[in-house]
């Protein structure tokens, strides 16, 4: 008769325990992320622009924000959409911020199913005109007389088909990725 290798109960128990812990850990770790939403999946801009429509629904205004640049430039950022179902063209007549008229430079007529995008000149310069899409760009400037980032101001858009009044947040344009370094150490990270 041949000698059979005999394993101690301690080593069998140890191996069984390790396998059990590994299996339970795998299940537990998989369960932790099952159905969860990541933190970054729902992040949006720090300041959302406001939105509104004309009473008759022909024009929609989206992402309305009063922009202040670090160079003191001020203007209104917005997207106006002509959603009139009769193929009519509409014209942006004016924009006022707290009662002061903004200077609008560019074509303000919006063709049917087209958009008009406005912003301060330095931000518009970063945009490229898309091909095969009906989008016009206009620059908007307003006097920066005591506007403070984080505040809110009434903005009135006057179109040939109606007026839209909304309250817009005053913010700075989104910083280009990689252009600013954050301080490390001390209280800068808090």
C-alpha atoms as a PDB file:
ATOM      1  CA  UNK A   1       0.000   0.000   0.000  1.00  0.00           C
ATOM      2  CA  UNK A   2       1.251   3.406  -0.884  1.00  0.00           C
ATOM      3  CA  UNK A   3       1.542   6.213   1.536  1.00  0.00           C
ATOM      4  CA  UNK A   4      -1.036   8.912   0.974  1.00  0.00           C
ATOM      5  CA  UNK A   5      -0.084  12.461   1.558  1.00  0.00           C
ATOM      6  CA  UNK A   6      -1.973  13.687   4.541  1.00  0.00           C
ATOM      7  CA  UNK A   7      -2.874  17.345   4.855  1.00  0.00           C
ATOM      8  CA  UNK A   8      -3.390  18.866   8.207  1.00  0.00           C
ATOM      9  CA  UNK A   9      -6.811  20.175   9.017  1.00  0.00           C
ATOM     10  CA  UNK A  10      -5.275  23.584   9.778  1.00  0.00           C
ATOM     11  CA  UNK A  11      -4.034  24.084   6.193  1.00  0.00           C
ATOM     12  CA  UNK A  12      -7.348  22.883   4.713  1.00  0.00           C
ATOM     13  CA  UNK A  13      -9.271  25.200   7.005  1.00  0.00           C
ATOM     14  CA  UNK A  14      -6.922  28.092   6.186  1.00  0.00           C
ATOM     15  CA  UNK A  15      -7.330  27.527   2.431  1.00  0.00           C
ATOM     16  CA  UNK A  16     -11.095  27.252   2.783  1.00  0.00           C
ATOM     17  CA  UNK A  17     -11.215  30.459   4.794  1.00  0.00           C
ATOM     18  CA  UNK A  18      -9.129  32.325   2.185  1.00  0.00           C
ATOM     19  CA  UNK A  19     -11.348  31.118  -0.644  1.00  0.00           C
ATOM     20  CA  UNK A  20     -14.464  32.090   1.322  1.00  0.00           C
ATOM     21  CA  UNK A  21     -13.102  35.573   2.107  1.00  0.00           C
ATOM     22  CA  UNK A  22     -12.135  36.100  -1.545  1.00  0.00           C
ATOM     23  CA  UNK A  23     -15.597  35.038  -2.747  1.00  0.00           C
ATOM     24  CA  UNK A  24     -17.413  37.203  -0.196  1.00  0.00           C
ATOM     25  CA  UNK A  25     -15.143  40.180  -0.996  1.00  0.00           C
ATOM     26  CA  UNK A  26     -15.831  39.833  -4.710  1.00  0.00           C
ATOM     27  CA  UNK A  27     -19.580  39.755  -4.136  1.00  0.00           C
ATOM     28  CA  UNK A  28     -19.454  42.638  -1.641  1.00  0.00           C
ATOM     29  CA  UNK A  29     -17.337  44.840  -3.893  1.00  0.00           C
ATOM     30  CA  UNK A  30     -19.539  44.117  -6.896  1.00  0.00           C
ATOM     31  CA  UNK A  31     -22.644  44.896  -4.846  1.00  0.00           C
ATOM     32  CA  UNK A  32     -21.193  48.218  -3.690  1.00  0.00           C
ATOM     33  CA  UNK A  33     -21.156  49.606  -7.196  1.00  0.00           C
ATOM     34  CA  UNK A  34     -24.233  47.871  -8.541  1.00  0.00           C
ATOM     35  CA  UNK A  35     -26.799  50.431  -9.601  1.00  0.00           C
ATOM     36  CA  UNK A  36     -24.860  53.333  -8.205  1.00  0.00           C
ATOM     37  CA  UNK A  37     -24.374  56.583 -10.056  1.00  0.00           C
ATOM     38  CA  UNK A  38     -20.881  57.988 -10.141  1.00  0.00           C
ATOM     39  CA  UNK A  39     -20.235  61.362  -8.616  1.00  0.00           C
ATOM     40  CA  UNK A  40     -19.064  62.860 -11.900  1.00  0.00           C
ATOM     41  CA  UNK A  41     -21.941  61.567 -14.013  1.00  0.00           C
ATOM     42  CA  UNK A  42     -24.287  64.228 -12.711  1.00  0.00           C
ATOM     43  CA  UNK A  43     -21.936  67.193 -12.462  1.00  0.00           C
ATOM     44  CA  UNK A  44     -22.990  70.275 -14.343  1.00  0.00           C
ATOM     45  CA  UNK A  45     -21.712  73.794 -14.720  1.00  0.00           C
ATOM     46  CA  UNK A  46     -21.264  75.697 -11.475  1.00  0.00           C
ATOM     47  CA  UNK A  47     -23.777  78.277 -12.659  1.00  0.00           C
ATOM     48  CA  UNK A  48     -26.615  77.250 -14.929  1.00  0.00           C
ATOM     49  CA  UNK A  49     -28.028  79.873 -17.220  1.00  0.00           C
ATOM     50  CA  UNK A  50     -31.730  80.624 -16.981  1.00  0.00           C
ATOM     51  CA  UNK A  51     -34.239  79.747 -19.647  1.00  0.00           C
ATOM     52  CA  UNK A  52     -37.598  81.090 -20.810  1.00  0.00           C
ATOM     53  CA  UNK A  53     -39.877  81.294 -23.854  1.00  0.00           C
ATOM     54  CA  UNK A  54     -41.981  84.029 -25.405  1.00  0.00           C
ATOM     55  CA  UNK A  55     -45.646  83.795 -24.417  1.00  0.00           C
ATOM     56  CA  UNK A  56     -46.606  82.574 -27.877  1.00  0.00           C
ATOM     57  CA  UNK A  57     -43.783  79.986 -27.860  1.00  0.00           C
ATOM     58  CA  UNK A  58     -42.093  81.221 -31.035  1.00  0.00           C
ATOM     59  CA  UNK A  59     -38.726  81.979 -29.407  1.00  0.00           C
ATOM     60  CA  UNK A  60     -36.930  80.026 -26.681  1.00  0.00           C
ATOM     61  CA  UNK A  61     -34.040  81.538 -24.729  1.00  0.00           C
ATOM     62  CA  UNK A  62     -31.585  79.159 -23.067  1.00  0.00           C
ATOM     63  CA  UNK A  63     -28.456  79.453 -20.920  1.00  0.00           C
ATOM     64  CA  UNK A  64     -28.859  83.160 -20.109  1.00  0.00           C
ATOM     65  CA  UNK A  65     -25.964  84.439 -17.998  1.00  0.00           C
ATOM     66  CA  UNK A  66     -24.378  87.845 -17.517  1.00  0.00           C
ATOM     67  CA  UNK A  67     -20.679  87.232 -18.196  1.00  0.00           C
ATOM     68  CA  UNK A  68     -17.835  89.186 -16.601  1.00  0.00           C
ATOM     69  CA  UNK A  69     -14.309  88.480 -17.782  1.00  0.00           C
ATOM     70  CA  UNK A  70     -11.156  89.041 -15.744  1.00  0.00           C
ATOM     71  CA  UNK A  71     -10.360  91.914 -18.129  1.00  0.00           C
ATOM     72  CA  UNK A  72     -13.528  93.804 -17.122  1.00  0.00           C
ATOM     73  CA  UNK A  73     -15.503  92.866 -20.230  1.00  0.00           C
ATOM     74  CA  UNK A  74     -19.243  92.398 -19.580  1.00  0.00           C
ATOM     75  CA  UNK A  75     -22.026  91.030 -21.766  1.00  0.00           C
ATOM     76  CA  UNK A  76     -24.957  88.654 -21.999  1.00  0.00           C
ATOM     77  CA  UNK A  77     -24.407  84.987 -22.865  1.00  0.00           C
ATOM     78  CA  UNK A  78     -27.464  83.283 -24.355  1.00  0.00           C
ATOM     79  CA  UNK A  79     -28.864  81.024 -27.040  1.00  0.00           C
ATOM     80  CA  UNK A  80     -32.098  82.070 -28.773  1.00  0.00           C
ATOM     81  CA  UNK A  81     -33.950  79.417 -30.769  1.00  0.00           C
ATOM     82  CA  UNK A  82     -36.587  80.158 -33.406  1.00  0.00           C
ATOM     83  CA  UNK A  83     -39.141  77.414 -32.826  1.00  0.00           C
ATOM     84  CA  UNK A  84     -41.997  79.005 -34.759  1.00  0.00           C
ATOM     85  CA  UNK A  85     -43.792  76.279 -36.707  1.00  0.00           C
ATOM     86  CA  UNK A  86     -44.712  78.537 -39.664  1.00  0.00           C
ATOM     87  CA  UNK A  87     -41.151  78.953 -41.013  1.00  0.00           C
ATOM     88  CA  UNK A  88     -41.240  82.628 -40.009  1.00  0.00           C
ATOM     89  CA  UNK A  89     -38.059  84.592 -39.380  1.00  0.00           C
ATOM     90  CA  UNK A  90     -37.767  86.537 -36.132  1.00  0.00           C
ATOM     91  CA  UNK A  91     -35.502  89.373 -35.081  1.00  0.00           C
ATOM     92  CA  UNK A  92     -33.883  90.156 -31.749  1.00  0.00           C
ATOM     93  CA  UNK A  93     -34.544  93.880 -31.306  1.00  0.00           C
ATOM     94  CA  UNK A  94     -32.769  94.544 -28.009  1.00  0.00           C
ATOM     95  CA  UNK A  95     -31.397  93.194 -24.740  1.00  0.00           C
ATOM     96  CA  UNK A  96     -31.442  95.178 -21.513  1.00  0.00           C
ATOM     97  CA  UNK A  97     -29.708  94.345 -18.247  1.00  0.00           C
ATOM     98  CA  UNK A  98     -31.138  96.127 -15.203  1.00  0.00           C
ATOM     99  CA  UNK A  99     -32.681  98.654 -17.599  1.00  0.00           C
ATOM    100  CA  UNK A 100     -29.463  99.440 -19.514  1.00  0.00           C
ATOM    101  CA  UNK A 101     -29.381  98.546 -23.204  1.00  0.00           C
ATOM    102  CA  UNK A 102     -26.736  96.064 -24.362  1.00  0.00           C
ATOM    103  CA  UNK A 103     -24.787  96.696 -27.553  1.00  0.00           C
ATOM    104  CA  UNK A 104     -25.412  93.815 -29.963  1.00  0.00           C
ATOM    105  CA  UNK A 105     -22.970  93.371 -32.850  1.00  0.00           C
ATOM    106  CA  UNK A 106     -23.899  91.005 -35.671  1.00  0.00           C
ATOM    107  CA  UNK A 107     -26.934  89.716 -37.545  1.00  0.00           C
ATOM    108  CA  UNK A 108     -29.921  89.441 -35.177  1.00  0.00           C
ATOM    109  CA  UNK A 109     -32.428  87.810 -37.537  1.00  0.00           C
ATOM    110  CA  UNK A 110     -33.121  84.178 -36.681  1.00  0.00           C
ATOM    111  CA  UNK A 111     -34.349  81.992 -39.524  1.00  0.00           C
ATOM    112  CA  UNK A 112     -36.815  79.175 -38.908  1.00  0.00           C
ATOM    113  CA  UNK A 113     -35.313  76.278 -36.900  1.00  0.00           C
ATOM    114  CA  UNK A 114     -32.128  78.291 -36.385  1.00  0.00           C
ATOM    115  CA  UNK A 115     -30.312  79.628 -33.335  1.00  0.00           C
ATOM    116  CA  UNK A 116     -28.637  82.855 -32.332  1.00  0.00           C
ATOM    117  CA  UNK A 117     -25.752  82.546 -29.850  1.00  0.00           C
ATOM    118  CA  UNK A 118     -24.547  85.615 -27.987  1.00  0.00           C
ATOM    119  CA  UNK A 119     -21.663  86.259 -25.601  1.00  0.00           C
ATOM    120  CA  UNK A 120     -18.886  88.719 -24.802  1.00  0.00           C
ATOM    121  CA  UNK A 121     -16.509  89.231 -27.757  1.00  0.00           C
ATOM    122  CA  UNK A 122     -13.559  87.382 -26.169  1.00  0.00           C
ATOM    123  CA  UNK A 123     -15.669  84.249 -25.604  1.00  0.00           C
ATOM    124  CA  UNK A 124     -17.193  84.385 -29.098  1.00  0.00           C
ATOM    125  CA  UNK A 125     -13.679  84.502 -30.554  1.00  0.00           C
ATOM    126  CA  UNK A 126     -13.121  80.990 -29.147  1.00  0.00           C
ATOM    127  CA  UNK A 127     -16.088  79.561 -31.068  1.00  0.00           C
ATOM    128  CA  UNK A 128     -15.977  78.192 -34.580  1.00  0.00           C
ATOM    129  CA  UNK A 129     -18.901  78.519 -36.947  1.00  0.00           C
ATOM    130  CA  UNK A 130     -20.355  75.032 -37.387  1.00  0.00           C
ATOM    131  CA  UNK A 131     -20.909  73.708 -40.889  1.00  0.00           C
ATOM    132  CA  UNK A 132     -24.346  72.615 -42.073  1.00  0.00           C
ATOM    133  CA  UNK A 133     -26.004  73.922 -38.908  1.00  0.00           C
ATOM    134  CA  UNK A 134     -28.031  77.113 -38.781  1.00  0.00           C
ATOM    135  CA  UNK A 135     -26.357  79.073 -35.953  1.00  0.00           C
ATOM    136  CA  UNK A 136     -25.453  82.767 -35.970  1.00  0.00           C
ATOM    137  CA  UNK A 137     -23.140  84.434 -33.449  1.00  0.00           C
ATOM    138  CA  UNK A 138     -23.513  87.959 -32.057  1.00  0.00           C
ATOM    139  CA  UNK A 139     -21.379  89.763 -29.522  1.00  0.00           C
ATOM    140  CA  UNK A 140     -23.038  91.520 -26.619  1.00  0.00           C
ATOM    141  CA  UNK A 141     -21.491  94.157 -24.395  1.00  0.00           C
ATOM    142  CA  UNK A 142     -22.844  96.051 -21.415  1.00  0.00           C
ATOM    143  CA  UNK A 143     -21.351  98.638 -19.103  1.00  0.00           C
ATOM    144  CA  UNK A 144     -19.723  96.979 -16.112  1.00  0.00           C
ATOM    145  CA  UNK A 145     -20.912  99.393 -13.448  1.00  0.00           C
ATOM    146  CA  UNK A 146     -20.710  97.520 -10.193  1.00  0.00           C
ATOM    147  CA  UNK A 147     -21.668  94.053 -11.423  1.00  0.00           C
ATOM    148  CA  UNK A 148     -20.564  91.416  -8.927  1.00  0.00           C
ATOM    149  CA  UNK A 149     -19.961  87.751  -9.725  1.00  0.00           C
ATOM    150  CA  UNK A 150     -22.570  85.613  -8.000  1.00  0.00           C
ATOM    151  CA  UNK A 151     -25.268  88.271  -8.096  1.00  0.00           C
ATOM    152  CA  UNK A 152     -28.403  88.263 -10.223  1.00  0.00           C
ATOM    153  CA  UNK A 153     -29.798  90.846 -12.622  1.00  0.00           C
ATOM    154  CA  UNK A 154     -32.999  91.135 -14.624  1.00  0.00           C
ATOM    155  CA  UNK A 155     -32.418  90.615 -18.349  1.00  0.00           C
ATOM    156  CA  UNK A 156     -35.075  91.537 -20.922  1.00  0.00           C
ATOM    157  CA  UNK A 157     -34.956  90.225 -24.503  1.00  0.00           C
ATOM    158  CA  UNK A 158     -37.203  92.025 -27.004  1.00  0.00           C
ATOM    159  CA  UNK A 159     -38.080  90.165 -30.204  1.00  0.00           C
ATOM    160  CA  UNK A 160     -40.451  91.089 -33.000  1.00  0.00           C
ATOM    161  CA  UNK A 161     -42.766  88.340 -31.699  1.00  0.00           C
ATOM    162  CA  UNK A 162     -42.648  89.111 -27.983  1.00  0.00           C
ATOM    163  CA  UNK A 163     -40.608  89.927 -24.919  1.00  0.00           C
ATOM    164  CA  UNK A 164     -38.849  87.585 -22.512  1.00  0.00           C
ATOM    165  CA  UNK A 165     -37.926  88.734 -19.005  1.00  0.00           C
ATOM    166  CA  UNK A 166     -35.708  86.526 -16.872  1.00  0.00           C
ATOM    167  CA  UNK A 167     -33.293  86.798 -13.964  1.00  0.00           C
ATOM    168  CA  UNK A 168     -29.740  85.840 -14.902  1.00  0.00           C
ATOM    169  CA  UNK A 169     -26.803  85.005 -12.679  1.00  0.00           C
ATOM    170  CA  UNK A 170     -23.621  87.027 -13.043  1.00  0.00           C
ATOM    171  CA  UNK A 171     -20.684  84.693 -13.617  1.00  0.00           C
ATOM    172  CA  UNK A 172     -17.287  84.402 -15.211  1.00  0.00           C
ATOM    173  CA  UNK A 173     -16.780  82.316 -18.352  1.00  0.00           C
ATOM    174  CA  UNK A 174     -15.646  78.725 -17.844  1.00  0.00           C
ATOM    175  CA  UNK A 175     -11.877  78.565 -17.426  1.00  0.00           C
ATOM    176  CA  UNK A 176     -10.075  76.693 -20.187  1.00  0.00           C
ATOM    177  CA  UNK A 177      -8.719  73.360 -18.970  1.00  0.00           C
ATOM    178  CA  UNK A 178      -5.059  73.446 -17.924  1.00  0.00           C
ATOM    179  CA  UNK A 179      -4.739  77.231 -17.893  1.00  0.00           C
ATOM    180  CA  UNK A 180      -4.837  77.799 -14.139  1.00  0.00           C
ATOM    181  CA  UNK A 181      -2.870  76.158 -11.358  1.00  0.00           C
ATOM    182  CA  UNK A 182      -4.362  75.731  -7.929  1.00  0.00           C
ATOM    183  CA  UNK A 183      -2.295  76.456  -4.877  1.00  0.00           C
ATOM    184  CA  UNK A 184      -1.309  73.427  -2.840  1.00  0.00           C
ATOM    185  CA  UNK A 185      -0.769  73.505   0.895  1.00  0.00           C
ATOM    186  CA  UNK A 186      -1.981  75.756   3.649  1.00  0.00           C
ATOM    187  CA  UNK A 187      -5.670  76.478   3.420  1.00  0.00           C
ATOM    188  CA  UNK A 188      -5.769  76.810  -0.381  1.00  0.00           C
ATOM    189  CA  UNK A 189      -7.134  73.292  -0.800  1.00  0.00           C
ATOM    190  CA  UNK A 190     -10.068  73.874   1.568  1.00  0.00           C
END
